[in-house]
Amino acid sequence: MKSFSICKRLLQYPVSILMSLTHSKKCHKQIVDSGGLVYLQKLVEMEINGAKKLQETISHGKLWGVFARR
């Protein structure tokens, strides 16, 4: 059980790095194009802190990208 908690702590670092990159449109698109949403879904299932919020942030931006701008 102790090793699992250490693993969860180590997985928080990529989540925090990706969270800082989502503010850039270019990085946001690269995360989506590279399949980051599938990886984030796995992190959400593992209950990694911040993964759910990051997934919602990226998914929200993807949803609004469907609508055309004038």
PDB file of N, CA and C in Angstrom:
ATOM      1  N   MET A   1       0.822  -1.191   0.000  1.00  0.00           N
ATOM      2  CA  MET A   1       0.000   0.000   0.000  1.00  0.00           C
ATOM      3  C   MET A   1       0.870   1.261   0.000  1.00  0.00           C
ATOM      4  N   LYS A   2       2.003   1.204   0.682  1.00  0.00           N
ATOM      5  CA  LYS A   2       2.878   2.370   0.758  1.00  0.00           C
ATOM      6  C   LYS A   2       3.459   2.694  -0.615  1.00  0.00           C
ATOM      7  N   SER A   3       3.813   1.674  -1.388  1.00  0.00           N
ATOM      8  CA  SER A   3       4.377   1.917  -2.714  1.00  0.00           C
ATOM      9  C   SER A   3       3.346   2.544  -3.648  1.00  0.00           C
ATOM     10  N   PHE A   4       2.064   2.208  -3.473  1.00  0.00           N
ATOM     11  CA  PHE A   4       1.018   2.797  -4.306  1.00  0.00           C
ATOM     12  C   PHE A   4       0.870   4.286  -4.008  1.00  0.00           C
ATOM     13  N   SER A   5       0.990   4.668  -2.735  1.00  0.00           N
ATOM     14  CA  SER A   5       0.877   6.089  -2.393  1.00  0.00           C
ATOM     15  C   SER A   5       2.068   6.880  -2.934  1.00  0.00           C
ATOM     16  N   ILE A   6       3.241   6.264  -2.968  1.00  0.00           N
ATOM     17  CA  ILE A   6       4.416   6.918  -3.546  1.00  0.00           C
ATOM     18  C   ILE A   6       4.219   7.084  -5.047  1.00  0.00           C
ATOM     19  N   CYS A   7       3.669   6.070  -5.686  1.00  0.00           N
ATOM     20  CA  CYS A   7       3.407   6.125  -7.121  1.00  0.00           C
ATOM     21  C   CYS A   7       2.404   7.234  -7.434  1.00  0.00           C
ATOM     22  N   LYS A   8       1.369   7.369  -6.607  1.00  0.00           N
ATOM     23  CA  LYS A   8       0.370   8.418  -6.823  1.00  0.00           C
ATOM     24  C   LYS A   8       1.000   9.800  -6.694  1.00  0.00           C
ATOM     25  N   ARG A   9       1.922   9.943  -5.749  1.00  0.00           N
ATOM     26  CA  ARG A   9       2.596  11.233  -5.582  1.00  0.00           C
ATOM     27  C   ARG A   9       3.468  11.564  -6.790  1.00  0.00           C
ATOM     28  N   LEU A  10       4.128  10.551  -7.340  1.00  0.00           N
ATOM     29  CA  LEU A  10       4.985  10.787  -8.502  1.00  0.00           C
ATOM     30  C   LEU A  10       4.169  11.144  -9.739  1.00  0.00           C
ATOM     31  N   LEU A  11       2.956  10.644  -9.835  1.00  0.00           N
ATOM     32  CA  LEU A  11       2.115  10.943 -10.988  1.00  0.00           C
ATOM     33  C   LEU A  11       1.477  12.319 -10.902  1.00  0.00           C
ATOM     34  N   GLN A  12       1.584  12.980  -9.772  1.00  0.00           N
ATOM     35  CA  GLN A  12       1.044  14.334  -9.651  1.00  0.00           C
ATOM     36  C   GLN A  12       1.894  15.343 -10.411  1.00  0.00           C
ATOM     37  N   TYR A  13       3.186  15.056 -10.568  1.00  0.00           N
ATOM     38  CA  TYR A  13       4.077  15.991 -11.241  1.00  0.00           C
ATOM     39  C   TYR A  13       3.710  16.202 -12.712  1.00  0.00           C
ATOM     40  N   PRO A  14       3.486  15.135 -13.504  1.00  0.00           N
ATOM     41  CA  PRO A  14       3.076  15.376 -14.897  1.00  0.00           C
ATOM     42  C   PRO A  14       1.744  16.128 -14.993  1.00  0.00           C
ATOM     43  N   VAL A  15       0.845  15.873 -14.059  1.00  0.00           N
ATOM     44  CA  VAL A  15      -0.444  16.566 -14.073  1.00  0.00           C
ATOM     45  C   VAL A  15      -0.237  18.057 -13.841  1.00  0.00           C
ATOM     46  N   SER A  16       0.603  18.409 -12.890  1.00  0.00           N
ATOM     47  CA  SER A  16       0.826  19.836 -12.621  1.00  0.00           C
ATOM     48  C   SER A  16       1.548  20.520 -13.782  1.00  0.00           C
ATOM     49  N   ILE A  17       2.447  19.803 -14.445  1.00  0.00           N
ATOM     50  CA  ILE A  17       3.140  20.373 -15.602  1.00  0.00           C
ATOM     51  C   ILE A  17       2.156  20.598 -16.743  1.00  0.00           C
ATOM     52  N   LEU A  18       1.314  19.605 -17.013  1.00  0.00           N
ATOM     53  CA  LEU A  18       0.327  19.762 -18.083  1.00  0.00           C
ATOM     54  C   LEU A  18      -0.682  20.854 -17.760  1.00  0.00           C
ATOM     55  N   MET A  19      -1.025  20.990 -16.482  1.00  0.00           N
ATOM     56  CA  MET A  19      -1.966  22.038 -16.091  1.00  0.00           C
ATOM     57  C   MET A  19      -1.381  23.415 -16.397  1.00  0.00           C
ATOM     58  N   SER A  20      -0.089  23.579 -16.193  1.00  0.00           N
ATOM     59  CA  SER A  20       0.528  24.873 -16.478  1.00  0.00           C
ATOM     60  C   SER A  20       0.615  25.142 -17.979  1.00  0.00           C
ATOM     61  N   LEU A  21       0.622  24.083 -18.793  1.00  0.00           N
ATOM     62  CA  LEU A  21       0.720  24.248 -20.239  1.00  0.00           C
ATOM     63  C   LEU A  21      -0.627  24.463 -20.921  1.00  0.00           C
ATOM     64  N   THR A  22      -1.721  24.172 -20.251  1.00  0.00           N
ATOM     65  CA  THR A  22      -3.029  24.252 -20.901  1.00  0.00           C
ATOM     66  C   THR A  22      -3.470  25.687 -21.166  1.00  0.00           C
ATOM     67  N   HIS A  23      -2.783  26.660 -20.613  1.00  0.00           N
ATOM     68  CA  HIS A  23      -3.167  28.053 -20.841  1.00  0.00           C
ATOM     69  C   HIS A  23      -2.734  28.526 -22.231  1.00  0.00           C
ATOM     70  N   SER A  24      -1.807  27.831 -22.828  1.00  0.00           N
ATOM     71  CA  SER A  24      -1.362  28.164 -24.179  1.00  0.00           C
ATOM     72  C   SER A  24      -2.207  27.381 -25.191  1.00  0.00           C
ATOM     73  N   LYS A  25      -2.742  28.070 -26.184  1.00  0.00           N
ATOM     74  CA  LYS A  25      -3.584  27.396 -27.185  1.00  0.00           C
ATOM     75  C   LYS A  25      -2.794  26.354 -27.968  1.00  0.00           C
ATOM     76  N   LYS A  26      -1.560  26.688 -28.297  1.00  0.00           N
ATOM     77  CA  LYS A  26      -0.733  25.768 -29.075  1.00  0.00           C
ATOM     78  C   LYS A  26      -0.450  24.488 -28.278  1.00  0.00           C
ATOM     79  N   CYS A  27      -0.067  24.635 -27.021  1.00  0.00           N
ATOM     80  CA  CYS A  27       0.211  23.474 -26.180  1.00  0.00           C
ATOM     81  C   CYS A  27      -1.067  22.682 -25.912  1.00  0.00           C
ATOM     82  N   HIS A  28      -2.161  23.400 -25.761  1.00  0.00           N
ATOM     83  CA  HIS A  28      -3.458  22.759 -25.518  1.00  0.00           C
ATOM     84  C   HIS A  28      -3.810  21.839 -26.689  1.00  0.00           C
ATOM     85  N   LYS A  29      -3.618  22.329 -27.915  1.00  0.00           N
ATOM     86  CA  LYS A  29      -3.905  21.523 -29.099  1.00  0.00           C
ATOM     87  C   LYS A  29      -2.961  20.335 -29.202  1.00  0.00           C
ATOM     88  N   GLN A  30      -1.709  20.524 -28.852  1.00  0.00           N
ATOM     89  CA  GLN A  30      -0.742  19.433 -28.922  1.00  0.00           C
ATOM     90  C   GLN A  30      -1.065  18.333 -27.914  1.00  0.00           C
ATOM     91  N   ILE A  31      -1.551  18.711 -26.744  1.00  0.00           N
ATOM     92  CA  ILE A  31      -1.938  17.719 -25.744  1.00  0.00           C
ATOM     93  C   ILE A  31      -3.092  16.880 -26.268  1.00  0.00           C
ATOM     94  N   VAL A  32      -4.069  17.530 -26.875  1.00  0.00           N
ATOM     95  CA  VAL A  32      -5.230  16.813 -27.405  1.00  0.00           C
ATOM     96  C   VAL A  32      -4.823  15.934 -28.585  1.00  0.00           C
ATOM     97  N   ASP A  33      -4.016  16.472 -29.506  1.00  0.00           N
ATOM     98  CA  ASP A  33      -3.614  15.727 -30.700  1.00  0.00           C
ATOM     99  C   ASP A  33      -2.731  14.524 -30.375  1.00  0.00           C
ATOM    100  N   SER A  34      -1.957  14.615 -29.317  1.00  0.00           N
ATOM    101  CA  SER A  34      -1.056  13.519 -28.983  1.00  0.00           C
ATOM    102  C   SER A  34      -1.726  12.407 -28.186  1.00  0.00           C
ATOM    103  N   GLY A  35      -3.015  12.561 -27.901  1.00  0.00           N
ATOM    104  CA  GLY A  35      -3.734  11.506 -27.181  1.00  0.00           C
ATOM    105  C   GLY A  35      -3.667  11.669 -25.683  1.00  0.00           C
ATOM    106  N   GLY A  36      -3.474  12.865 -25.222  1.00  0.00           N
ATOM    107  CA  GLY A  36      -3.364  13.128 -23.794  1.00  0.00           C
ATOM    108  C   GLY A  36      -4.642  12.846 -23.020  1.00  0.00           C
ATOM    109  N   LEU A  37      -5.794  12.917 -23.701  1.00  0.00           N
ATOM    110  CA  LEU A  37      -7.064  12.674 -23.013  1.00  0.00           C
ATOM    111  C   LEU A  37      -7.198  11.220 -22.564  1.00  0.00           C
ATOM    112  N   VAL A  38      -6.659  10.291 -23.349  1.00  0.00           N
ATOM    113  CA  VAL A  38      -6.698   8.874 -22.971  1.00  0.00           C
ATOM    114  C   VAL A  38      -5.838   8.650 -21.734  1.00  0.00           C
ATOM    115  N   TYR A  39      -4.657   9.246 -21.718  1.00  0.00           N
ATOM    116  CA  TYR A  39      -3.756   9.144 -20.573  1.00  0.00           C
ATOM    117  C   TYR A  39      -4.387   9.778 -19.333  1.00  0.00           C
ATOM    118  N   LEU A  40      -5.032  10.918 -19.520  1.00  0.00           N
ATOM    119  CA  LEU A  40      -5.684  11.589 -18.397  1.00  0.00           C
ATOM    120  C   LEU A  40      -6.834  10.763 -17.832  1.00  0.00           C
ATOM    121  N   GLN A  41      -7.550  10.059 -18.699  1.00  0.00           N
ATOM    122  CA  GLN A  41      -8.647   9.209 -18.227  1.00  0.00           C
ATOM    123  C   GLN A  41      -8.112   8.128 -17.288  1.00  0.00           C
ATOM    124  N   LYS A  42      -6.957   7.572 -17.617  1.00  0.00           N
ATOM    125  CA  LYS A  42      -6.340   6.561 -16.759  1.00  0.00           C
ATOM    126  C   LYS A  42      -5.939   7.166 -15.419  1.00  0.00           C
ATOM    127  N   LEU A  43      -5.420   8.402 -15.447  1.00  0.00           N
ATOM    128  CA  LEU A  43      -5.037   9.067 -14.202  1.00  0.00           C
ATOM    129  C   LEU A  43      -6.263   9.392 -13.344  1.00  0.00           C
ATOM    130  N   VAL A  44      -7.372   9.750 -13.992  1.00  0.00           N
ATOM    131  CA  VAL A  44      -8.609  10.024 -13.248  1.00  0.00           C
ATOM    132  C   VAL A  44      -9.094   8.749 -12.582  1.00  0.00           C
ATOM    133  N   GLU A  45      -9.017   7.622 -13.292  1.00  0.00           N
ATOM    134  CA  GLU A  45      -9.430   6.344 -12.718  1.00  0.00           C
ATOM    135  C   GLU A  45      -8.548   5.949 -11.535  1.00  0.00           C
ATOM    136  N   MET A  46      -7.283   6.356 -11.559  1.00  0.00           N
ATOM    137  CA  MET A  46      -6.377   6.064 -10.446  1.00  0.00           C
ATOM    138  C   MET A  46      -6.542   7.074  -9.317  1.00  0.00           C
ATOM    139  N   GLU A  47      -7.397   8.069  -9.511  1.00  0.00           N
ATOM    140  CA  GLU A  47      -7.683   9.108  -8.523  1.00  0.00           C
ATOM    141  C   GLU A  47      -6.447   9.933  -8.163  1.00  0.00           C
ATOM    142  N   ILE A  48      -5.740  10.369  -9.189  1.00  0.00           N
ATOM    143  CA  ILE A  48      -4.580  11.240  -9.007  1.00  0.00           C
ATOM    144  C   ILE A  48      -5.087  12.669  -8.812  1.00  0.00           C
ATOM    145  N   ASN A  49      -4.542  13.358  -7.817  1.00  0.00           N
ATOM    146  CA  ASN A  49      -4.966  14.729  -7.530  1.00  0.00           C
ATOM    147  C   ASN A  49      -4.737  15.636  -8.732  1.00  0.00           C
ATOM    148  N   GLY A  50      -5.765  16.371  -9.108  1.00  0.00           N
ATOM    149  CA  GLY A  50      -5.668  17.340 -10.187  1.00  0.00           C
ATOM    150  C   GLY A  50      -5.957  16.786 -11.566  1.00  0.00           C
ATOM    151  N   ALA A  51      -5.995  15.474 -11.722  1.00  0.00           N
ATOM    152  CA  ALA A  51      -6.202  14.877 -13.040  1.00  0.00           C
ATOM    153  C   ALA A  51      -7.610  15.141 -13.562  1.00  0.00           C
ATOM    154  N   LYS A  52      -8.585  15.077 -12.681  1.00  0.00           N
ATOM    155  CA  LYS A  52      -9.965  15.297 -13.114  1.00  0.00           C
ATOM    156  C   LYS A  52     -10.163  16.745 -13.571  1.00  0.00           C
ATOM    157  N   LYS A  53      -9.610  17.680 -12.836  1.00  0.00           N
ATOM    158  CA  LYS A  53      -9.737  19.086 -13.210  1.00  0.00           C
ATOM    159  C   LYS A  53      -9.023  19.351 -14.535  1.00  0.00           C
ATOM    160  N   LEU A  54      -7.867  18.757 -14.722  1.00  0.00           N
ATOM    161  CA  LEU A  54      -7.134  18.922 -15.972  1.00  0.00           C
ATOM    162  C   LEU A  54      -7.918  18.332 -17.136  1.00  0.00           C
ATOM    163  N   GLN A  55      -8.506  17.179 -16.931  1.00  0.00           N
ATOM    164  CA  GLN A  55      -9.307  16.551 -17.984  1.00  0.00           C
ATOM    165  C   GLN A  55     -10.512  17.419 -18.346  1.00  0.00           C
ATOM    166  N   GLU A  56     -11.157  17.984 -17.346  1.00  0.00           N
ATOM    167  CA  GLU A  56     -12.296  18.865 -17.601  1.00  0.00           C
ATOM    168  C   GLU A  56     -11.860  20.120 -18.349  1.00  0.00           C
ATOM    169  N   THR A  57     -10.706  20.652 -17.994  1.00  0.00           N
ATOM    170  CA  THR A  57     -10.191  21.852 -18.650  1.00  0.00           C
ATOM    171  C   THR A  57      -9.914  21.583 -20.122  1.00  0.00           C
ATOM    172  N   ILE A  58      -9.260  20.480 -20.409  1.00  0.00           N
ATOM    173  CA  ILE A  58      -8.931  20.147 -21.791  1.00  0.00           C
ATOM    174  C   ILE A  58     -10.187  19.774 -22.573  1.00  0.00           C
ATOM    175  N   SER A  59     -11.080  19.017 -21.979  1.00  0.00           N
ATOM    176  CA  SER A  59     -12.310  18.618 -22.659  1.00  0.00           C
ATOM    177  C   SER A  59     -13.193  19.827 -22.925  1.00  0.00           C
ATOM    178  N   HIS A  60     -13.233  20.762 -21.990  1.00  0.00           N
ATOM    179  CA  HIS A  60     -14.047  21.968 -22.163  1.00  0.00           C
ATOM    180  C   HIS A  60     -13.558  22.772 -23.355  1.00  0.00           C
ATOM    181  N   GLY A  61     -12.269  22.925 -23.468  1.00  0.00           N
ATOM    182  CA  GLY A  61     -11.706  23.658 -24.598  1.00  0.00           C
ATOM    183  C   GLY A  61     -11.971  22.955 -25.913  1.00  0.00           C
ATOM    184  N   LYS A  62     -11.951  21.628 -25.895  1.00  0.00           N
ATOM    185  CA  LYS A  62     -12.220  20.865 -27.095  1.00  0.00           C
ATOM    186  C   LYS A  62     -13.678  21.035 -27.510  1.00  0.00           C
ATOM    187  N   LEU A  63     -14.572  21.091 -26.550  1.00  0.00           N
ATOM    188  CA  LEU A  63     -15.980  21.258 -26.839  1.00  0.00           C
ATOM    189  C   LEU A  63     -16.256  22.600 -27.490  1.00  0.00           C
ATOM    190  N   TRP A  64     -15.668  23.658 -26.948  1.00  0.00           N
ATOM    191  CA  TRP A  64     -15.905  24.996 -27.499  1.00  0.00           C
ATOM    192  C   TRP A  64     -15.229  25.178 -28.839  1.00  0.00           C
ATOM    193  N   GLY A  65     -14.235  24.360 -29.170  1.00  0.00           N
ATOM    194  CA  GLY A  65     -13.593  24.443 -30.462  1.00  0.00           C
ATOM    195  C   GLY A  65     -14.470  23.952 -31.601  1.00  0.00           C
ATOM    196  N   VAL A  66     -15.559  23.260 -31.292  1.00  0.00           N
ATOM    197  CA  VAL A  66     -16.470  22.755 -32.307  1.00  0.00           C
ATOM    198  C   VAL A  66     -17.259  23.899 -32.932  1.00  0.00           C
ATOM    199  N   PHE A  67     -17.586  24.905 -32.144  1.00  0.00           N
ATOM    200  CA  PHE A  67     -18.384  26.025 -32.627  1.00  0.00           C
ATOM    201  C   PHE A  67     -17.538  26.974 -33.464  1.00  0.00           C
ATOM    202  N   ALA A  68     -18.084  27.395 -34.579  1.00  0.00           N
ATOM    203  CA  ALA A  68     -17.353  28.284 -35.493  1.00  0.00           C
ATOM    204  C   ALA A  68     -17.346  29.708 -34.934  1.00  0.00           C
ATOM    205  N   ARG A  69     -16.242  30.391 -35.152  1.00  0.00           N
ATOM    206  CA  ARG A  69     -16.127  31.791 -34.741  1.00  0.00           C
ATOM    207  C   ARG A  69     -16.420  32.672 -35.938  1.00  0.00           C
ATOM    208  N   ARG A  70     -16.944  33.835 -35.669  1.00  0.00           N
ATOM    209  CA  ARG A  70     -17.232  34.776 -36.769  1.00  0.00           C
ATOM    210  C   ARG A  70     -16.234  35.890 -36.781  1.00  0.00           C
TER     211      ARG A  70
END
